[in-house]
């Protein structure tokens, strides 16, 4: 039995037409019916008809007596041959197959027809009452479908509004925003809007993300410029890939920092350093005389203790020492690596670092149920030298199983 789909878009007028017909088309394709009901098709295939049951073979009448022959008793009819019976069995088998296909077609068509009626307001349901499914869609298209130009302008307006939203912290649900832009980008590409050709979507999406996560934006701007300089244009993420990158970053933030808006703690952003902690850089700290300035000495103390970056928990929060806490695209910085390498040579600091790493590793393993079998973070820091490829280091040293 065909399960009835639930419509997410209700046809109320021209504004819903394209979303509604896409919805109907998707359901019709699931039922293998779209080619029979597509209102834009020039030559639709004929609707399948009910197959005819083959007639069973019957004995042939006996031949009549020839002129001049003596009359005889009524001759016996010619019996059905084995070959006739085999041919009938084959025809009957094919008939049953075709009948099963036709019955499935009829049930699916009835389900699609019901879906169309239920997903439109009563006015339009009454308007197409009594018509075939294909006729319903054609009549609704002729009455409600806007022109190509009008639809193009509507998609362009919605897409530009979405990528032009102010994504400042706390004003927009960033995950919902990525879904919205993704849906509009798909529509815009289907109608070949020039605004979504090539790297234009990537640039527009990054431009919007800049207001929510400046470090994410800066990282990808620099990465794209590097790829283009090296002639690796085909490796530049398209709009959909960039949305996926940002979506993963938002989800990471929502799991690791419930006090911040998703997407805000990609390395440094609006007063955050590369490790997601408050930064002391000019223009990001409080004004003279504020409470932020009054805490400057304690911040400097934490900075001195760790890796030239600020952490509320010092060694207990450092991304260099706790790779399982890192957001996407985190990379080590030379000054921090050198500072940690020096700290490891001091017995007192080395012990504090070891205690912090073991504590963090144990907590991570208990939370995830995984075992950290990769290279120890402390050993990685000791062996690190300038020029090492972090991508290689990540694969060889920080993949836990």
Protein backbone atom coordinates (compact mmCIF):
# COMPACT_ATOMS: atom_id res chain seq x y z
CA UNK A 1 0.00 0.00 0.00
CA UNK A 2 1.30 3.45 -0.94
CA UNK A 3 2.00 5.64 2.09
CA UNK A 4 0.57 9.14 1.90
CA UNK A 5 3.18 11.90 2.02
CA UNK A 6 2.61 15.02 4.08
CA UNK A 7 2.86 18.34 2.24
CA UNK A 8 5.09 20.98 3.77
CA UNK A 9 3.97 23.73 1.37
CA UNK A 10 0.29 24.61 0.95
CA UNK A 11 -0.71 26.19 -2.34
CA UNK A 12 -2.44 29.46 -1.45
CA UNK A 13 -1.55 31.55 -4.47
CA UNK A 14 1.16 32.49 -6.94
CA UNK A 15 3.75 33.07 -4.22
CA UNK A 16 3.78 29.37 -3.33
CA UNK A 17 3.56 27.98 -6.85
CA UNK A 18 7.20 27.06 -7.51
CA UNK A 19 7.83 25.61 -4.06
CA UNK A 20 4.55 23.73 -4.28
CA UNK A 21 5.11 22.30 -7.76
CA UNK A 22 8.63 21.22 -6.77
CA UNK A 23 7.10 19.43 -3.81
CA UNK A 24 4.52 17.73 -6.03
CA UNK A 25 7.19 16.80 -8.58
CA UNK A 26 9.37 15.19 -5.91
CA UNK A 27 6.48 13.08 -4.66
CA UNK A 28 5.41 12.18 -8.20
CA UNK A 29 8.95 11.03 -9.01
CA UNK A 30 8.92 8.79 -5.95
CA UNK A 31 5.76 7.22 -7.40
CA UNK A 32 7.30 7.08 -10.93
CA UNK A 33 4.49 9.28 -12.26
CA UNK A 34 6.01 12.65 -13.05
CA UNK A 35 6.46 11.97 -16.77
CA UNK A 36 2.70 11.37 -17.01
CA UNK A 37 1.58 14.54 -15.19
CA UNK A 38 4.34 17.13 -15.74
CA UNK A 39 2.47 20.32 -16.73
CA UNK A 40 5.53 21.62 -18.60
CA UNK A 41 6.04 18.50 -20.70
CA UNK A 42 5.48 18.99 -24.43
CA UNK A 43 4.79 15.36 -25.27
CA UNK A 44 3.63 13.42 -22.24
CA UNK A 45 3.50 9.64 -22.66
CA UNK A 46 -0.03 8.20 -22.78
CA UNK A 47 -1.51 7.03 -19.51
CA UNK A 48 -1.22 3.24 -19.19
CA UNK A 49 -4.46 1.37 -19.85
CA UNK A 50 -5.77 -1.72 -18.15
CA UNK A 51 -4.37 -4.80 -19.87
CA UNK A 52 -6.75 -7.29 -21.47
CA UNK A 53 -6.91 -10.81 -20.15
CA UNK A 54 -5.95 -13.39 -22.77
CA UNK A 55 -8.67 -15.71 -23.98
CA UNK A 56 -8.25 -19.35 -23.06
CA UNK A 57 -7.88 -21.67 -26.07
CA UNK A 58 -10.95 -23.78 -26.92
CA UNK A 59 -11.27 -27.00 -28.97
CA UNK A 60 -11.64 -26.31 -32.68
CA UNK A 61 -14.80 -27.53 -34.39
CA UNK A 62 -14.52 -30.74 -36.41
CA UNK A 63 -14.05 -30.32 -40.15
CA UNK A 64 -17.22 -30.56 -42.23
CA UNK A 65 -17.77 -33.52 -44.56
CA UNK A 66 -16.65 -32.97 -48.13
CA UNK A 67 -19.20 -33.15 -50.98
CA UNK A 68 -19.72 -36.75 -52.11
CA UNK A 69 -18.62 -38.28 -48.87
CA UNK A 70 -21.00 -40.56 -47.02
CA UNK A 71 -22.53 -38.84 -43.96
CA UNK A 72 -21.03 -39.95 -40.70
CA UNK A 73 -21.83 -39.53 -37.04
CA UNK A 74 -21.08 -36.09 -35.61
CA UNK A 75 -17.29 -35.79 -35.64
CA UNK A 76 -15.38 -34.99 -32.47
CA UNK A 77 -13.99 -31.38 -32.16
CA UNK A 78 -10.24 -30.98 -32.46
CA UNK A 79 -8.78 -30.89 -28.92
CA UNK A 80 -6.52 -28.08 -27.67
CA UNK A 81 -2.89 -28.86 -28.35
CA UNK A 82 -0.10 -28.79 -25.79
CA UNK A 83 1.51 -25.95 -27.70
CA UNK A 84 -1.68 -23.87 -27.45
CA UNK A 85 -1.86 -24.46 -23.72
CA UNK A 86 1.79 -23.45 -23.22
CA UNK A 87 1.24 -20.27 -25.26
CA UNK A 88 -1.83 -19.45 -23.16
CA UNK A 89 0.10 -19.97 -19.92
CA UNK A 90 2.80 -17.58 -21.13
CA UNK A 91 0.24 -14.97 -22.13
CA UNK A 92 -1.57 -15.36 -18.81
CA UNK A 93 1.67 -14.89 -16.87
CA UNK A 94 2.48 -11.72 -18.80
CA UNK A 95 -1.07 -10.48 -18.31
CA UNK A 96 -0.82 -10.91 -14.55
CA UNK A 97 2.48 -9.01 -14.48
CA UNK A 98 1.04 -6.18 -16.56
CA UNK A 99 -2.12 -6.13 -14.44
CA UNK A 100 -0.06 -5.84 -11.25
CA UNK A 101 1.90 -2.92 -12.74
CA UNK A 102 -1.29 -1.21 -13.88
CA UNK A 103 -2.94 -1.63 -10.48
CA UNK A 104 0.13 -0.13 -8.80
CA UNK A 105 0.02 2.75 -11.28
CA UNK A 106 -3.66 3.38 -10.47
CA UNK A 107 -3.03 3.32 -6.72
CA UNK A 108 -0.06 5.68 -7.03
CA UNK A 109 -1.99 8.03 -9.27
CA UNK A 110 -4.84 8.12 -6.76
CA UNK A 111 -2.35 8.88 -3.97
CA UNK A 112 -0.79 11.69 -6.00
CA UNK A 113 -4.20 13.11 -6.85
CA UNK A 114 -5.17 13.12 -3.18
CA UNK A 115 -1.84 14.75 -2.29
CA UNK A 116 -2.45 17.54 -4.81
CA UNK A 117 -5.95 18.24 -3.52
CA UNK A 118 -4.94 18.19 0.15
CA UNK A 119 -1.93 20.45 -0.40
CA UNK A 120 -4.00 23.24 -1.97
CA UNK A 121 -6.50 25.51 -0.29
CA UNK A 122 -10.16 24.63 -0.82
CA UNK A 123 -10.63 27.29 -3.50
CA UNK A 124 -8.10 25.66 -5.81
CA UNK A 125 -9.17 22.12 -4.85
CA UNK A 126 -12.70 22.97 -6.00
CA UNK A 127 -11.32 24.69 -9.11
CA UNK A 128 -9.79 21.45 -10.40
CA UNK A 129 -12.43 19.08 -9.05
CA UNK A 130 -13.35 16.34 -11.53
CA UNK A 131 -10.25 16.70 -13.70
CA UNK A 132 -7.56 14.08 -14.17
CA UNK A 133 -4.33 14.50 -12.26
CA UNK A 134 -2.47 15.85 -15.28
CA UNK A 135 -5.34 18.24 -16.05
CA UNK A 136 -5.35 19.49 -12.45
CA UNK A 137 -1.68 20.47 -12.59
CA UNK A 138 -2.04 22.09 -16.01
CA UNK A 139 -5.03 24.20 -14.90
CA UNK A 140 -3.30 25.27 -11.69
CA UNK A 141 -0.17 26.19 -13.60
CA UNK A 142 -2.08 28.30 -16.10
CA UNK A 143 -3.85 30.14 -13.29
CA UNK A 144 -1.11 30.56 -10.69
CA UNK A 145 2.38 30.15 -12.14
CA UNK A 146 4.19 33.53 -12.30
CA UNK A 147 6.29 34.41 -15.30
CA UNK A 148 9.91 33.26 -15.46
CA UNK A 149 11.04 36.86 -15.04
CA UNK A 150 8.92 37.38 -11.93
CA UNK A 151 10.15 34.13 -10.37
CA UNK A 152 13.75 35.01 -11.14
CA UNK A 153 13.36 38.39 -9.45
CA UNK A 154 11.69 36.79 -6.42
CA UNK A 155 14.49 34.23 -5.97
CA UNK A 156 17.12 36.94 -6.47
CA UNK A 157 15.47 39.16 -3.87
CA UNK A 158 15.24 36.38 -1.27
CA UNK A 159 18.79 35.17 -1.90
CA UNK A 160 20.30 38.64 -1.64
CA UNK A 161 18.29 39.31 1.52
CA UNK A 162 19.54 36.07 3.10
CA UNK A 163 23.24 36.63 2.35
CA UNK A 164 22.85 40.28 3.36
CA UNK A 165 21.50 39.52 6.83
CA UNK A 166 23.22 40.99 9.86
CA UNK A 167 24.69 37.93 11.58
CA UNK A 168 26.03 39.70 14.61
CA UNK A 169 26.21 37.55 17.71
CA UNK A 170 22.83 36.63 19.14
CA UNK A 171 20.71 38.28 16.43
CA UNK A 172 20.29 35.27 14.11
CA UNK A 173 20.14 31.51 14.54
CA UNK A 174 23.19 30.67 12.45
CA UNK A 175 22.27 27.05 11.75
CA UNK A 176 18.82 28.10 10.53
CA UNK A 177 20.50 30.77 8.43
CA UNK A 178 22.76 28.22 6.70
CA UNK A 179 19.71 26.10 5.86
CA UNK A 180 17.88 29.11 4.47
CA UNK A 181 20.79 30.19 2.28
CA UNK A 182 21.38 26.62 1.07
CA UNK A 183 17.75 26.26 -0.08
CA UNK A 184 17.79 29.63 -1.87
CA UNK A 185 21.18 28.93 -3.43
CA UNK A 186 19.83 25.70 -4.88
CA UNK A 187 16.83 27.51 -6.36
CA UNK A 188 19.03 30.27 -7.77
CA UNK A 189 21.35 27.79 -9.44
CA UNK A 190 18.43 25.91 -10.99
CA UNK A 191 17.37 29.05 -12.86
CA UNK A 192 21.00 30.06 -13.58
CA UNK A 193 21.08 33.38 -11.78
CA UNK A 194 24.38 35.13 -12.57
CA UNK A 195 24.81 35.94 -8.86
CA UNK A 196 25.43 32.25 -8.08
CA UNK A 197 27.91 31.42 -10.82
CA UNK A 198 31.49 30.44 -9.99
CA UNK A 199 32.89 31.75 -6.71
CA UNK A 200 30.26 34.48 -6.28
CA UNK A 201 28.22 32.43 -3.75
CA UNK A 202 31.34 31.67 -1.72
CA UNK A 203 32.26 35.35 -1.56
CA UNK A 204 28.72 36.41 -0.66
CA UNK A 205 28.43 33.77 2.08
CA UNK A 206 31.81 34.68 3.54
CA UNK A 207 30.82 38.33 3.48
CA UNK A 208 27.79 37.53 5.62
CA UNK A 209 29.74 35.27 7.98
CA UNK A 210 32.25 38.06 8.62
CA UNK A 211 29.73 39.71 10.93
CA UNK A 212 29.37 36.55 13.04
CA UNK A 213 32.87 35.08 13.02
CA UNK A 214 35.66 37.32 11.79
CA UNK A 215 38.35 34.67 12.23
CA UNK A 216 36.45 32.09 10.17
CA UNK A 217 36.06 34.74 7.49
CA UNK A 218 39.73 35.77 7.62
CA UNK A 219 40.96 32.18 7.52
CA UNK A 220 38.97 31.34 4.41
CA UNK A 221 39.75 34.60 2.61
CA UNK A 222 43.46 33.92 3.06
CA UNK A 223 43.05 30.23 2.17
CA UNK A 224 41.16 31.03 -1.05
CA UNK A 225 43.76 33.61 -2.05
CA UNK A 226 46.48 31.02 -1.46
CA UNK A 227 44.69 28.43 -3.56
CA UNK A 228 44.16 30.91 -6.39
CA UNK A 229 47.80 32.01 -6.33
CA UNK A 230 48.87 28.39 -6.63
CA UNK A 231 46.52 27.76 -9.54
CA UNK A 232 44.28 25.48 -7.48
CA UNK A 233 41.03 27.21 -8.37
CA UNK A 234 39.19 23.87 -8.47
CA UNK A 235 39.92 23.38 -4.76
CA UNK A 236 38.16 26.61 -3.71
CA UNK A 237 34.99 25.62 -1.81
CA UNK A 238 31.75 26.40 -3.59
CA UNK A 239 28.82 27.99 -1.79
CA UNK A 240 27.39 24.70 -0.54
CA UNK A 241 30.76 23.52 0.77
CA UNK A 242 31.37 26.82 2.55
CA UNK A 243 27.97 26.53 4.24
CA UNK A 244 28.88 23.01 5.34
CA UNK A 245 32.17 24.27 6.83
CA UNK A 246 30.39 27.00 8.75
CA UNK A 247 27.61 24.66 9.84
CA UNK A 248 30.14 22.24 11.34
CA UNK A 249 31.84 25.12 13.12
CA UNK A 250 28.51 26.26 14.58
CA UNK A 251 27.72 22.75 15.81
CA UNK A 252 31.14 22.46 17.39
CA UNK A 253 30.55 25.73 19.24
CA UNK A 254 27.13 24.65 20.45
CA UNK A 255 28.66 21.52 22.01
CA UNK A 256 31.73 23.12 23.56
CA UNK A 257 30.58 26.63 24.52
CA UNK A 258 26.94 26.93 25.48
CA UNK A 259 27.38 30.53 26.60
CA UNK A 260 28.34 31.74 23.13
CA UNK A 261 26.21 31.97 20.04
CA UNK A 262 26.92 29.09 17.60
CA UNK A 263 29.64 30.01 15.14
CA UNK A 264 31.22 32.69 17.29
CA UNK A 265 34.24 30.85 18.63
CA UNK A 266 36.11 29.88 15.51
CA UNK A 267 39.60 30.70 16.76
CA UNK A 268 39.56 34.49 17.28
CA UNK A 269 36.36 36.54 17.04
CA UNK A 270 35.33 39.81 18.59
CA UNK A 271 37.58 39.68 21.64
CA UNK A 272 38.40 35.95 21.41
CA UNK A 273 41.86 34.55 20.62
CA UNK A 274 42.60 31.51 18.47
CA UNK A 275 41.72 29.27 21.39
CA UNK A 276 38.31 30.87 21.92
CA UNK A 277 39.33 32.87 24.98
CA UNK A 278 39.20 36.64 25.72
CA UNK A 279 41.81 38.58 23.79
CA UNK A 280 43.82 41.59 24.97
CA UNK A 281 44.46 43.00 21.52
CA UNK A 282 43.83 46.73 21.00
CA UNK A 283 40.30 47.66 20.15
CA UNK A 284 38.89 44.51 21.73
CA UNK A 285 39.51 45.04 25.42
CA UNK A 286 37.55 47.41 27.62
CA UNK A 287 38.13 51.10 27.83
CA UNK A 288 40.52 52.53 30.43
CA UNK A 289 39.02 52.41 33.88
CA UNK A 290 36.58 49.63 33.01
CA UNK A 291 36.39 46.31 34.83
CA UNK A 292 38.03 44.69 31.80
CA UNK A 293 41.06 46.91 32.19
CA UNK A 294 41.11 46.22 35.93
CA UNK A 295 41.54 42.52 35.20
CA UNK A 296 44.43 43.07 32.82
CA UNK A 297 47.06 41.84 35.29
CA UNK A 298 45.28 38.53 35.90
CA UNK A 299 44.91 38.00 32.16
CA UNK A 300 48.59 38.62 31.63
CA UNK A 301 49.35 36.10 34.33
CA UNK A 302 47.32 33.43 32.55
CA UNK A 303 49.01 34.35 29.28
CA UNK A 304 52.43 33.93 30.85
CA UNK A 305 51.45 30.54 32.22
CA UNK A 306 50.19 29.05 28.99
CA UNK A 307 51.04 29.60 25.31
CA UNK A 308 50.90 33.37 24.73
CA UNK A 309 47.14 33.00 24.42
CA UNK A 310 44.59 33.60 27.14
CA UNK A 311 42.71 30.71 28.73
CA UNK A 312 40.36 30.77 31.64
CA UNK A 313 41.82 27.46 32.77
CA UNK A 314 45.44 27.88 31.65
CA UNK A 315 46.93 24.51 30.74
CA UNK A 316 43.56 22.87 31.32
CA UNK A 317 41.99 24.72 28.37
CA UNK A 318 44.88 25.09 25.92
CA UNK A 319 44.08 23.76 22.45
CA UNK A 320 47.74 22.91 21.93
CA UNK A 321 47.58 20.49 24.85
CA UNK A 322 43.98 19.33 24.33
CA UNK A 323 43.51 18.54 20.60
CA UNK A 324 40.12 16.98 21.33
CA UNK A 325 38.81 20.46 22.17
CA UNK A 326 39.89 22.15 18.95
CA UNK A 327 37.38 23.69 16.53
CA UNK A 328 37.60 23.05 12.80
CA UNK A 329 40.53 24.62 10.94
CA UNK A 330 42.55 25.32 14.07
CA UNK A 331 46.27 25.51 13.34
CA UNK A 332 49.32 25.90 15.61
CA UNK A 333 51.19 29.20 15.74
CA UNK A 334 54.97 29.43 15.95
CA UNK A 335 55.20 31.78 19.02
CA UNK A 336 52.87 29.55 21.01
CA UNK A 337 54.69 26.37 20.04
CA UNK A 338 58.06 27.85 20.99
CA UNK A 339 56.72 29.04 24.35
CA UNK A 340 55.32 25.62 25.16
CA UNK A 341 58.54 23.91 24.11
CA UNK A 342 60.42 26.10 26.59
CA UNK A 343 57.87 25.35 29.30
CA UNK A 344 58.37 21.61 28.80
CA UNK A 345 62.02 22.01 29.74
CA UNK A 346 61.06 23.35 33.17
CA UNK A 347 60.37 20.48 35.58
CA UNK A 348 57.64 22.29 37.53
CA UNK A 349 55.80 23.41 34.40
CA UNK A 350 56.25 20.04 32.73
CA UNK A 351 54.48 18.35 35.62
CA UNK A 352 51.59 20.84 35.51
CA UNK A 353 51.27 20.30 31.79
CA UNK A 354 51.31 16.50 32.14
CA UNK A 355 48.65 16.65 34.85
CA UNK A 356 46.46 18.90 32.70
CA UNK A 357 46.81 16.68 29.61
CA UNK A 358 46.08 13.46 31.49
CA UNK A 359 43.08 15.01 33.20
CA UNK A 360 41.69 16.32 29.90
CA UNK A 361 42.35 13.05 28.06
CA UNK A 362 40.60 11.03 30.76
CA UNK A 363 37.57 13.32 30.70
CA UNK A 364 37.41 13.12 26.90
CA UNK A 365 37.64 9.33 26.90
CA UNK A 366 34.94 8.97 29.53
CA UNK A 367 32.64 11.34 27.67
CA UNK A 368 33.08 9.83 24.18
CA UNK A 369 33.81 6.20 25.03
CA UNK A 370 36.80 6.35 22.67
CA UNK A 371 40.46 5.55 23.36
CA UNK A 372 43.17 8.08 22.58
CA UNK A 373 45.76 5.90 20.88
CA UNK A 374 47.46 8.58 18.80
CA UNK A 375 50.67 10.41 19.63
CA UNK A 376 50.73 12.21 22.96
CA UNK A 377 50.22 16.00 22.57
CA UNK A 378 53.29 16.71 24.70
CA UNK A 379 55.47 14.53 22.48
CA UNK A 380 54.09 16.30 19.42
CA UNK A 381 54.97 19.71 20.87
CA UNK A 382 58.49 18.53 21.72
CA UNK A 383 59.07 17.21 18.20
CA UNK A 384 57.50 20.17 16.40
CA UNK A 385 59.76 22.35 14.26
CA UNK A 386 59.00 25.33 12.09
CA UNK A 387 57.90 24.35 8.62
CA UNK A 388 56.13 21.15 9.64
CA UNK A 389 52.90 20.50 7.77
CA UNK A 390 50.06 20.61 10.24
CA UNK A 391 47.90 18.56 7.91
CA UNK A 392 50.45 15.75 8.03
CA UNK A 393 50.91 16.17 11.78
CA UNK A 394 47.18 16.01 12.31
CA UNK A 395 46.85 12.76 10.37
CA UNK A 396 49.81 11.08 12.04
CA UNK A 397 49.54 12.42 15.57
CA UNK A 398 45.99 13.40 16.42
CA UNK A 399 43.66 10.80 14.95
CA UNK A 400 42.11 8.96 17.88
CA UNK A 401 40.28 5.66 17.54
